[in-house]
């Protein structure tokens, strides 16, 4: 668990609104943006 936590913290900065998998092309993030 500690190794996975460290990897996640390195790859996913806390100020990011999307995960590292899709980043700026996140479908959930895009839909949220257009529904507001």
PDB file of N, CA and C in Angstrom:
ATOM      1  N   UNK A   1       0.803  -1.212   0.000  1.00  0.00           N
ATOM      2  CA  UNK A   1       0.000   0.000   0.000  1.00  0.00           C
ATOM      3  C   UNK A   1       0.849   1.281   0.000  1.00  0.00           C
ATOM      4  N   UNK A   2       1.972   1.267   0.691  1.00  0.00           N
ATOM      5  CA  UNK A   2       2.808   2.469   0.749  1.00  0.00           C
ATOM      6  C   UNK A   2       3.417   2.800  -0.613  1.00  0.00           C
ATOM      7  N   UNK A   3       3.846   1.777  -1.330  1.00  0.00           N
ATOM      8  CA  UNK A   3       4.447   1.986  -2.651  1.00  0.00           C
ATOM      9  C   UNK A   3       3.404   2.562  -3.618  1.00  0.00           C
ATOM     10  N   UNK A   4       2.202   2.002  -3.601  1.00  0.00           N
ATOM     11  CA  UNK A   4       1.128   2.491  -4.472  1.00  0.00           C
ATOM     12  C   UNK A   4       0.758   3.931  -4.119  1.00  0.00           C
ATOM     13  N   UNK A   5       0.717   4.229  -2.834  1.00  0.00           N
ATOM     14  CA  UNK A   5       0.400   5.591  -2.394  1.00  0.00           C
ATOM     15  C   UNK A   5       1.458   6.570  -2.890  1.00  0.00           C
ATOM     16  N   UNK A   6       2.710   6.183  -2.797  1.00  0.00           N
ATOM     17  CA  UNK A   6       3.799   7.049  -3.254  1.00  0.00           C
ATOM     18  C   UNK A   6       3.697   7.286  -4.761  1.00  0.00           C
ATOM     19  N   UNK A   7       3.433   6.226  -5.530  1.00  0.00           N
ATOM     20  CA  UNK A   7       3.282   6.375  -6.983  1.00  0.00           C
ATOM     21  C   UNK A   7       2.137   7.327  -7.310  1.00  0.00           C
ATOM     22  N   UNK A   8       1.015   7.178  -6.618  1.00  0.00           N
ATOM     23  CA  UNK A   8      -0.147   8.028  -6.887  1.00  0.00           C
ATOM     24  C   UNK A   8       0.165   9.486  -6.566  1.00  0.00           C
ATOM     25  N   UNK A   9       0.827   9.720  -5.457  1.00  0.00           N
ATOM     26  CA  UNK A   9       1.178  11.091  -5.080  1.00  0.00           C
ATOM     27  C   UNK A   9       2.142  11.722  -6.077  1.00  0.00           C
ATOM     28  N   UNK A  10       3.052  10.924  -6.631  1.00  0.00           N
ATOM     29  CA  UNK A  10       4.008  11.443  -7.609  1.00  0.00           C
ATOM     30  C   UNK A  10       3.339  11.761  -8.941  1.00  0.00           C
ATOM     31  N   UNK A  11       2.396  10.945  -9.347  1.00  0.00           N
ATOM     32  CA  UNK A  11       1.763  11.090 -10.660  1.00  0.00           C
ATOM     33  C   UNK A  11       0.545  11.998 -10.650  1.00  0.00           C
ATOM     34  N   UNK A  12      -0.127  12.131  -9.531  1.00  0.00           N
ATOM     35  CA  UNK A  12      -1.355  12.915  -9.445  1.00  0.00           C
ATOM     36  C   UNK A  12      -1.196  14.055  -8.453  1.00  0.00           C
ATOM     37  N   UNK A  13      -0.746  15.205  -8.908  1.00  0.00           N
ATOM     38  CA  UNK A  13      -0.643  16.353  -7.999  1.00  0.00           C
ATOM     39  C   UNK A  13      -2.010  16.688  -7.406  1.00  0.00           C
ATOM     40  N   UNK A  14      -2.047  17.151  -6.184  1.00  0.00           N
ATOM     41  CA  UNK A  14      -3.323  17.418  -5.517  1.00  0.00           C
ATOM     42  C   UNK A  14      -4.103  18.558  -6.152  1.00  0.00           C
ATOM     43  N   UNK A  15      -3.443  19.461  -6.870  1.00  0.00           N
ATOM     44  CA  UNK A  15      -4.166  20.569  -7.488  1.00  0.00           C
ATOM     45  C   UNK A  15      -4.835  20.179  -8.809  1.00  0.00           C
ATOM     46  N   UNK A  16      -4.551  19.002  -9.308  1.00  0.00           N
ATOM     47  CA  UNK A  16      -5.174  18.532 -10.546  1.00  0.00           C
ATOM     48  C   UNK A  16      -6.620  18.135 -10.289  1.00  0.00           C
ATOM     49  N   UNK A  17      -7.489  18.385 -11.249  1.00  0.00           N
ATOM     50  CA  UNK A  17      -8.894  18.017 -11.116  1.00  0.00           C
ATOM     51  C   UNK A  17      -9.205  16.697 -11.810  1.00  0.00           C
ATOM     52  N   UNK A  18      -8.255  16.148 -12.518  1.00  0.00           N
ATOM     53  CA  UNK A  18      -8.460  14.886 -13.217  1.00  0.00           C
ATOM     54  C   UNK A  18      -7.357  13.911 -12.835  1.00  0.00           C
ATOM     55  N   UNK A  19      -7.603  12.653 -13.087  1.00  0.00           N
ATOM     56  CA  UNK A  19      -6.590  11.647 -12.770  1.00  0.00           C
ATOM     57  C   UNK A  19      -5.483  11.647 -13.826  1.00  0.00           C
ATOM     58  N   UNK A  20      -4.462  10.877 -13.582  1.00  0.00           N
ATOM     59  CA  UNK A  20      -3.334  10.832 -14.516  1.00  0.00           C
ATOM     60  C   UNK A  20      -3.649  10.015 -15.765  1.00  0.00           C
ATOM     61  N   UNK A  21      -4.726   9.239 -15.736  1.00  0.00           N
ATOM     62  CA  UNK A  21      -5.043   8.369 -16.862  1.00  0.00           C
ATOM     63  C   UNK A  21      -5.465   9.173 -18.097  1.00  0.00           C
ATOM     64  N   UNK A  22      -6.350  10.139 -17.927  1.00  0.00           N
ATOM     65  CA  UNK A  22      -6.835  10.871 -19.098  1.00  0.00           C
ATOM     66  C   UNK A  22      -6.520  12.366 -19.061  1.00  0.00           C
ATOM     67  N   UNK A  23      -6.192  12.884 -17.905  1.00  0.00           N
ATOM     68  CA  UNK A  23      -5.770  14.284 -17.788  1.00  0.00           C
ATOM     69  C   UNK A  23      -6.755  15.282 -18.359  1.00  0.00           C
ATOM     70  N   UNK A  24      -6.313  16.099 -19.313  1.00  0.00           N
ATOM     71  CA  UNK A  24      -7.147  17.164 -19.874  1.00  0.00           C
ATOM     72  C   UNK A  24      -8.281  16.659 -20.757  1.00  0.00           C
ATOM     73  N   UNK A  25      -8.246  15.419 -21.188  1.00  0.00           N
ATOM     74  CA  UNK A  25      -9.316  14.886 -22.035  1.00  0.00           C
ATOM     75  C   UNK A  25     -10.288  14.024 -21.228  1.00  0.00           C
ATOM     76  N   UNK A  26     -10.362  14.258 -19.939  1.00  0.00           N
ATOM     77  CA  UNK A  26     -11.245  13.514 -19.044  1.00  0.00           C
ATOM     78  C   UNK A  26     -12.706  13.801 -19.403  1.00  0.00           C
ATOM     79  N   UNK A  27     -13.461  12.771 -19.709  1.00  0.00           N
ATOM     80  CA  UNK A  27     -14.859  12.933 -20.100  1.00  0.00           C
ATOM     81  C   UNK A  27     -15.685  13.529 -18.967  1.00  0.00           C
ATOM     82  N   UNK A  28     -15.453  13.103 -17.754  1.00  0.00           N
ATOM     83  CA  UNK A  28     -16.215  13.617 -16.617  1.00  0.00           C
ATOM     84  C   UNK A  28     -15.907  15.094 -16.398  1.00  0.00           C
ATOM     85  N   UNK A  29     -14.654  15.459 -16.519  1.00  0.00           N
ATOM     86  CA  UNK A  29     -14.253  16.863 -16.359  1.00  0.00           C
ATOM     87  C   UNK A  29     -14.874  17.723 -17.459  1.00  0.00           C
ATOM     88  N   UNK A  30     -14.894  17.224 -18.696  1.00  0.00           N
ATOM     89  CA  UNK A  30     -15.456  17.981 -19.819  1.00  0.00           C
ATOM     90  C   UNK A  30     -16.965  18.168 -19.659  1.00  0.00           C
ATOM     91  N   UNK A  31     -17.670  17.120 -19.271  1.00  0.00           N
ATOM     92  CA  UNK A  31     -19.119  17.216 -19.086  1.00  0.00           C
ATOM     93  C   UNK A  31     -19.434  18.190 -17.959  1.00  0.00           C
ATOM     94  N   UNK A  32     -18.691  18.101 -16.869  1.00  0.00           N
ATOM     95  CA  UNK A  32     -18.895  19.012 -15.747  1.00  0.00           C
ATOM     96  C   UNK A  32     -18.714  20.460 -16.185  1.00  0.00           C
ATOM     97  N   UNK A  33     -17.702  20.709 -17.001  1.00  0.00           N
ATOM     98  CA  UNK A  33     -17.422  22.062 -17.493  1.00  0.00           C
ATOM     99  C   UNK A  33     -18.594  22.602 -18.313  1.00  0.00           C
ATOM    100  N   UNK A  34     -19.168  21.784 -19.169  1.00  0.00           N
ATOM    101  CA  UNK A  34     -20.233  22.254 -20.052  1.00  0.00           C
ATOM    102  C   UNK A  34     -21.602  22.293 -19.385  1.00  0.00           C
ATOM    103  N   UNK A  35     -21.777  21.582 -18.280  1.00  0.00           N
ATOM    104  CA  UNK A  35     -23.049  21.625 -17.569  1.00  0.00           C
ATOM    105  C   UNK A  35     -23.138  22.810 -16.610  1.00  0.00           C
ATOM    106  N   UNK A  36     -22.019  23.433 -16.328  1.00  0.00           N
ATOM    107  CA  UNK A  36     -22.027  24.582 -15.404  1.00  0.00           C
ATOM    108  C   UNK A  36     -22.358  25.858 -16.110  1.00  0.00           C
TER     109      UNK A  36
END
